[in-house]
Amino acid sequence: MPSDPQLLHYTSADGATQLGIDLYHPDGPCKATVIYAHCGGFSHGSRKDKTARRLSEKLGPEGVAVASIDYRKKTGIEAFEPRKAKAIEAAQARTARVGMRINPNYCGPAFYAALEDFAAALTYLRENQNDLGLSAPFVALGASAGGIAALSLAWPPRDGWQDLPRPDAAMGVCAAMVQPWRLHREGPPAVWMHGCHDGVISPRNARLIAKKALEKSAPLSVHITPVRGHRQQVTAFLEEDDPDGRPWLDLLRGLIASVNQADKRSS
């Protein structure tokens, strides 16, 4: 069992709010850091959901730290300056035009605020990694809304967000890449796990984006699972095996290993 997490605080991207991070330290030296963003449709939820602790129970013995973050929720368009507000509304409309079947709130201002805060948390953890005993690679992971933010941080929006720091890798569970036109070959390696029957975020989105990633040679691997339901994907990710008998959690393990191997080849 992991020990109680270390409580940290970082400042939201707008500079107005102190947000929490629950940091679960690994057993022994840190070999990687997973930054987890919770689900909740960008309107509710907390860093204290059970996913982060369970991740730490599974990955802590393997030297992986887990940082579970809070982020701003229910953010309205009025929180953004006019230029950015216009860009958000234009991108929101484009998401619908390209064929994504998704709640407009999942690609609107609340999404952008969560994306900014995820980037701020990533920056805070990277800048303080020595003091906190953390190590790269820093992997963005999220479930549902948190996964939307994680995948989008790998290919951040332009029009004011192009300078957001990118993670070393990213993974979304029961999530989506809500701006598929952002995909390109230069992004960090990413994985998306989604169910074949998801009533919250249509699996049609996963098929559309898998095709777009292939067309653009983007390093995004899409795994459409036989697991039915939305939140059931998170349970499967943490506790169950794929049809070949491999833990779904190996998708994350493999992502971390691929980054570490790439770093060794480049050093």
Protein backbone atom coordinates (compact mmCIF):
# COMPACT_ATOMS: atom_id res chain seq x y z
CA MET A 1 0.00 0.00 0.00
CA PRO A 2 1.31 3.49 -0.83
CA SER A 3 1.82 5.93 2.00
CA ASP A 4 -0.35 9.02 2.23
CA PRO A 5 0.46 11.44 -0.58
CA GLN A 6 2.51 14.58 -0.15
CA LEU A 7 0.26 17.62 -0.56
CA LEU A 8 1.66 20.26 -2.90
CA HIS A 9 0.21 23.47 -4.25
CA TYR A 10 0.64 25.25 -7.55
CA THR A 11 -0.90 28.38 -9.00
CA SER A 12 -3.54 28.16 -11.73
CA ALA A 13 -2.54 29.50 -15.13
CA ASP A 14 -4.56 32.69 -14.61
CA GLY A 15 -2.66 33.36 -11.36
CA ALA A 16 -5.86 33.57 -9.32
CA THR A 17 -6.20 30.18 -7.63
CA GLN A 18 -4.07 27.86 -5.54
CA LEU A 19 -4.61 24.30 -6.72
CA GLY A 20 -3.63 21.05 -5.07
CA ILE A 21 -1.43 18.14 -6.13
CA ASP A 22 -1.38 14.81 -4.29
CA LEU A 23 2.08 13.36 -4.95
CA TYR A 24 2.52 9.62 -4.40
CA HIS A 25 6.21 8.83 -4.15
CA PRO A 26 7.46 5.53 -5.56
CA ASP A 27 9.22 2.77 -3.72
CA GLY A 28 12.89 3.60 -4.15
CA PRO A 29 14.41 5.94 -6.75
CA CYS A 30 12.01 7.56 -9.17
CA LYS A 31 12.24 6.39 -12.78
CA ALA A 32 9.24 8.26 -14.22
CA THR A 33 6.47 10.65 -13.18
CA VAL A 34 2.83 10.25 -14.19
CA ILE A 35 0.70 13.39 -13.86
CA TYR A 36 -2.94 12.35 -13.56
CA ALA A 37 -5.98 14.56 -14.25
CA HIS A 38 -9.35 13.31 -12.99
CA CYS A 39 -12.64 12.91 -14.84
CA GLY A 40 -15.77 15.01 -14.33
CA GLY A 41 -16.68 16.80 -17.53
CA PHE A 42 -14.62 19.87 -16.53
CA SER A 43 -17.39 20.67 -14.04
CA HIS A 44 -16.76 18.42 -11.05
CA GLY A 45 -14.39 15.81 -9.65
CA SER A 46 -11.25 16.01 -7.56
CA ARG A 47 -7.62 14.94 -7.41
CA LYS A 48 -8.71 12.72 -4.51
CA ASP A 49 -10.53 10.19 -6.67
CA LYS A 50 -9.32 6.63 -6.15
CA THR A 51 -7.55 6.27 -9.50
CA ALA A 52 -4.31 7.96 -8.46
CA ARG A 53 -3.89 5.88 -5.31
CA ARG A 54 -4.57 2.70 -7.25
CA LEU A 55 -2.05 3.74 -9.90
CA SER A 56 0.51 4.28 -7.18
CA GLU A 57 -0.21 0.85 -5.70
CA LYS A 58 0.42 -0.69 -9.11
CA LEU A 59 3.32 1.44 -10.36
CA GLY A 60 5.03 2.66 -7.18
CA PRO A 61 6.94 -0.62 -6.76
CA GLU A 62 8.21 -0.09 -10.32
CA GLY A 63 9.69 3.32 -9.49
CA VAL A 64 6.89 5.46 -10.91
CA ALA A 65 5.68 8.55 -9.05
CA VAL A 66 2.02 9.59 -9.47
CA ALA A 67 0.95 13.23 -9.14
CA SER A 68 -2.81 13.70 -9.03
CA ILE A 69 -3.77 17.29 -9.87
CA ASP A 70 -6.73 19.56 -9.37
CA TYR A 71 -7.58 22.10 -12.07
CA ARG A 72 -10.11 24.89 -12.52
CA LYS A 73 -13.64 23.73 -13.29
CA LYS A 74 -16.77 25.36 -14.74
CA THR A 75 -14.68 28.11 -16.33
CA GLY A 76 -16.73 30.40 -18.58
CA ILE A 77 -15.72 32.27 -21.71
CA GLU A 78 -15.62 35.53 -19.73
CA ALA A 79 -12.44 34.29 -18.02
CA PHE A 80 -10.51 34.80 -21.26
CA GLU A 81 -9.43 37.97 -23.01
CA PRO A 82 -11.44 38.78 -26.17
CA ARG A 83 -8.82 37.48 -28.61
CA LYS A 84 -8.56 34.12 -26.86
CA ALA A 85 -12.33 33.93 -26.35
CA LYS A 86 -12.83 34.33 -30.09
CA ALA A 87 -10.25 31.60 -30.80
CA ILE A 88 -11.97 29.23 -28.34
CA GLU A 89 -15.36 29.73 -29.94
CA ALA A 90 -13.91 29.23 -33.44
CA ALA A 91 -12.14 26.01 -32.41
CA GLN A 92 -15.28 24.77 -30.64
CA ALA A 93 -17.24 25.22 -33.88
CA ARG A 94 -14.50 23.53 -35.89
CA THR A 95 -14.59 20.47 -33.63
CA ALA A 96 -18.21 19.98 -34.65
CA ARG A 97 -17.50 20.64 -38.33
CA VAL A 98 -14.79 17.95 -38.58
CA GLY A 99 -17.25 15.31 -37.44
CA MET A 100 -16.52 14.92 -33.74
CA ARG A 101 -19.52 13.72 -31.74
CA ILE A 102 -18.84 15.27 -28.37
CA ASN A 103 -20.44 17.54 -25.77
CA PRO A 104 -19.51 21.13 -26.73
CA ASN A 105 -18.45 21.75 -23.13
CA TYR A 106 -15.64 19.24 -23.62
CA CYS A 107 -13.93 21.54 -26.14
CA GLY A 108 -14.99 24.94 -24.79
CA PRO A 109 -13.61 27.40 -22.24
CA ALA A 110 -13.62 24.96 -19.31
CA PHE A 111 -11.48 22.61 -21.40
CA TYR A 112 -9.01 25.40 -22.19
CA ALA A 113 -8.73 26.39 -18.51
CA ALA A 114 -8.05 22.77 -17.51
CA LEU A 115 -5.50 22.48 -20.30
CA GLU A 116 -3.70 25.60 -19.08
CA ASP A 117 -3.67 24.33 -15.50
CA PHE A 118 -2.40 20.90 -16.55
CA ALA A 119 0.48 22.71 -18.27
CA ALA A 120 1.10 24.82 -15.15
CA ALA A 121 1.22 21.68 -12.98
CA LEU A 122 3.62 20.04 -15.43
CA THR A 123 5.89 23.09 -15.30
CA TYR A 124 5.79 23.18 -11.49
CA LEU A 125 6.72 19.51 -11.15
CA ARG A 126 9.50 19.74 -13.73
CA GLU A 127 11.01 22.84 -12.16
CA ASN A 128 10.96 21.25 -8.69
CA GLN A 129 11.78 17.67 -9.65
CA ASN A 130 15.12 17.58 -7.82
CA ASP A 131 13.64 18.83 -4.55
CA LEU A 132 10.68 16.48 -4.87
CA GLY A 133 12.71 13.44 -5.87
CA LEU A 134 11.01 13.11 -9.25
CA SER A 135 12.38 12.06 -12.60
CA ALA A 136 11.55 12.32 -16.28
CA PRO A 137 9.81 11.14 -18.33
CA PHE A 138 6.83 13.24 -17.30
CA VAL A 139 3.75 11.51 -18.67
CA ALA A 140 0.36 13.27 -18.88
CA LEU A 141 -2.47 10.86 -18.06
CA GLY A 142 -6.16 11.55 -17.70
CA ALA A 143 -9.57 9.91 -17.55
CA SER A 144 -12.51 11.31 -19.53
CA ALA A 145 -12.22 15.12 -19.27
CA GLY A 146 -8.76 14.78 -17.75
CA GLY A 147 -7.79 12.56 -20.67
CA ILE A 148 -9.03 15.16 -23.13
CA ALA A 149 -6.68 17.66 -21.49
CA ALA A 150 -3.78 15.15 -21.41
CA LEU A 151 -4.03 14.26 -25.11
CA SER A 152 -4.54 17.89 -26.11
CA LEU A 153 -1.46 18.99 -24.20
CA ALA A 154 0.57 16.71 -26.47
CA TRP A 155 -0.63 18.81 -29.43
CA PRO A 156 -1.68 22.14 -27.87
CA PRO A 157 -3.84 24.73 -29.63
CA ARG A 158 -2.30 27.69 -31.37
CA ASP A 159 -3.74 31.22 -31.16
CA GLY A 160 -2.18 31.87 -27.75
CA TRP A 161 -1.56 28.37 -26.40
CA GLN A 162 1.23 27.19 -28.71
CA ASP A 163 3.89 27.82 -26.06
CA LEU A 164 2.34 25.51 -23.46
CA PRO A 165 4.90 22.93 -22.31
CA ARG A 166 4.35 19.48 -23.71
CA PRO A 167 4.68 16.27 -21.70
CA ASP A 168 7.20 13.62 -22.67
CA ALA A 169 4.25 11.32 -23.43
CA ALA A 170 0.49 11.36 -22.99
CA MET A 171 -2.38 8.93 -22.46
CA GLY A 172 -6.13 9.30 -22.33
CA VAL A 173 -8.65 6.76 -21.03
CA CYS A 174 -12.30 7.08 -22.17
CA ALA A 175 -11.31 10.48 -23.51
CA ALA A 176 -10.79 12.15 -26.93
CA MET A 177 -8.47 14.35 -28.94
CA VAL A 178 -11.05 17.11 -29.44
CA GLN A 179 -8.98 19.06 -31.99
CA PRO A 180 -7.79 16.34 -34.39
CA TRP A 181 -6.46 18.90 -36.87
CA ARG A 182 -3.66 19.60 -34.36
CA LEU A 183 -2.16 16.14 -34.83
CA HIS A 184 1.23 16.02 -36.53
CA ARG A 185 4.29 13.81 -36.61
CA GLU A 186 6.32 15.93 -34.17
CA GLY A 187 4.17 15.27 -31.13
CA PRO A 188 5.27 13.14 -28.18
CA PRO A 189 4.20 9.48 -28.14
CA ALA A 190 0.59 9.11 -27.03
CA VAL A 191 -1.94 6.36 -26.35
CA TRP A 192 -5.71 6.48 -26.24
CA MET A 193 -7.81 3.68 -24.71
CA HIS A 194 -11.53 3.81 -25.51
CA GLY A 195 -14.45 1.44 -25.35
CA CYS A 196 -16.44 0.11 -28.30
CA HIS A 197 -19.68 1.11 -26.52
CA ASP A 198 -19.26 4.42 -24.67
CA GLY A 199 -22.41 6.44 -24.09
CA VAL A 200 -20.61 9.58 -22.96
CA ILE A 201 -17.92 10.00 -25.62
CA SER A 202 -18.83 8.20 -28.83
CA PRO A 203 -16.34 5.57 -30.05
CA ARG A 204 -16.88 7.10 -33.51
CA ASN A 205 -14.48 9.81 -32.34
CA ALA A 206 -11.79 7.22 -31.68
CA ARG A 207 -12.12 5.77 -35.16
CA LEU A 208 -12.06 9.23 -36.76
CA ILE A 209 -8.95 10.26 -34.85
CA ALA A 210 -7.16 6.96 -35.45
CA LYS A 211 -7.59 7.60 -39.16
CA LYS A 212 -6.41 11.21 -38.84
CA ALA A 213 -3.33 10.16 -36.82
CA LEU A 214 -2.42 7.64 -39.51
CA GLU A 215 -2.83 10.23 -42.29
CA LYS A 216 -0.59 12.71 -40.46
CA SER A 217 1.93 10.14 -39.18
CA ALA A 218 1.18 11.34 -35.66
CA PRO A 219 2.59 9.12 -32.87
CA LEU A 220 -0.86 8.45 -31.40
CA SER A 221 -1.89 4.83 -30.88
CA VAL A 222 -5.66 4.32 -30.51
CA HIS A 223 -6.92 1.17 -28.76
CA ILE A 224 -10.66 0.51 -29.04
CA THR A 225 -11.45 -2.06 -26.37
CA PRO A 226 -14.31 -4.55 -26.00
CA VAL A 227 -15.04 -3.05 -22.57
CA ARG A 228 -18.53 -1.56 -22.48
CA GLY A 229 -19.31 1.71 -20.71
CA HIS A 230 -17.50 4.94 -19.94
CA ARG A 231 -16.04 4.84 -16.45
CA GLN A 232 -15.74 1.08 -16.86
CA GLN A 233 -12.72 1.82 -19.05
CA VAL A 234 -10.89 3.25 -16.03
CA THR A 235 -11.63 0.12 -14.01
CA ALA A 236 -10.42 -2.05 -16.88
CA PHE A 237 -7.30 0.07 -17.29
CA LEU A 238 -6.40 -0.40 -13.64
CA GLU A 239 -7.58 -3.94 -12.95
CA GLU A 240 -8.24 -6.00 -16.07
CA ASP A 241 -6.47 -7.72 -18.96
CA ASP A 242 -6.92 -7.28 -22.69
CA PRO A 243 -8.23 -10.16 -24.85
CA ASP A 244 -4.65 -11.47 -25.18
CA GLY A 245 -4.23 -11.68 -21.41
CA ARG A 246 -2.03 -8.60 -20.98
CA PRO A 247 -2.94 -5.96 -18.38
CA TRP A 248 -4.44 -2.85 -19.96
CA LEU A 249 -2.08 -0.98 -17.65
CA ASP A 250 0.74 -2.23 -19.87
CA LEU A 251 -0.31 0.48 -22.36
CA LEU A 252 1.01 3.03 -19.87
CA ARG A 253 4.03 0.93 -18.95
CA GLY A 254 4.89 0.57 -22.63
CA LEU A 255 4.54 4.30 -23.19
CA ILE A 256 6.98 5.04 -20.37
CA ALA A 257 9.41 2.41 -21.65
CA SER A 258 9.31 3.81 -25.20
CA VAL A 259 10.31 7.27 -23.98
CA ASN A 260 13.11 5.89 -21.84
CA GLN A 261 14.43 3.83 -24.75
CA ALA A 262 14.30 6.84 -27.07
CA ASP A 263 16.23 8.91 -24.53
CA LYS A 264 18.90 6.21 -24.26
CA ARG A 265 19.30 6.09 -28.04
CA SER A 266 19.70 9.87 -28.26
CA SER A 267 22.20 10.13 -25.39
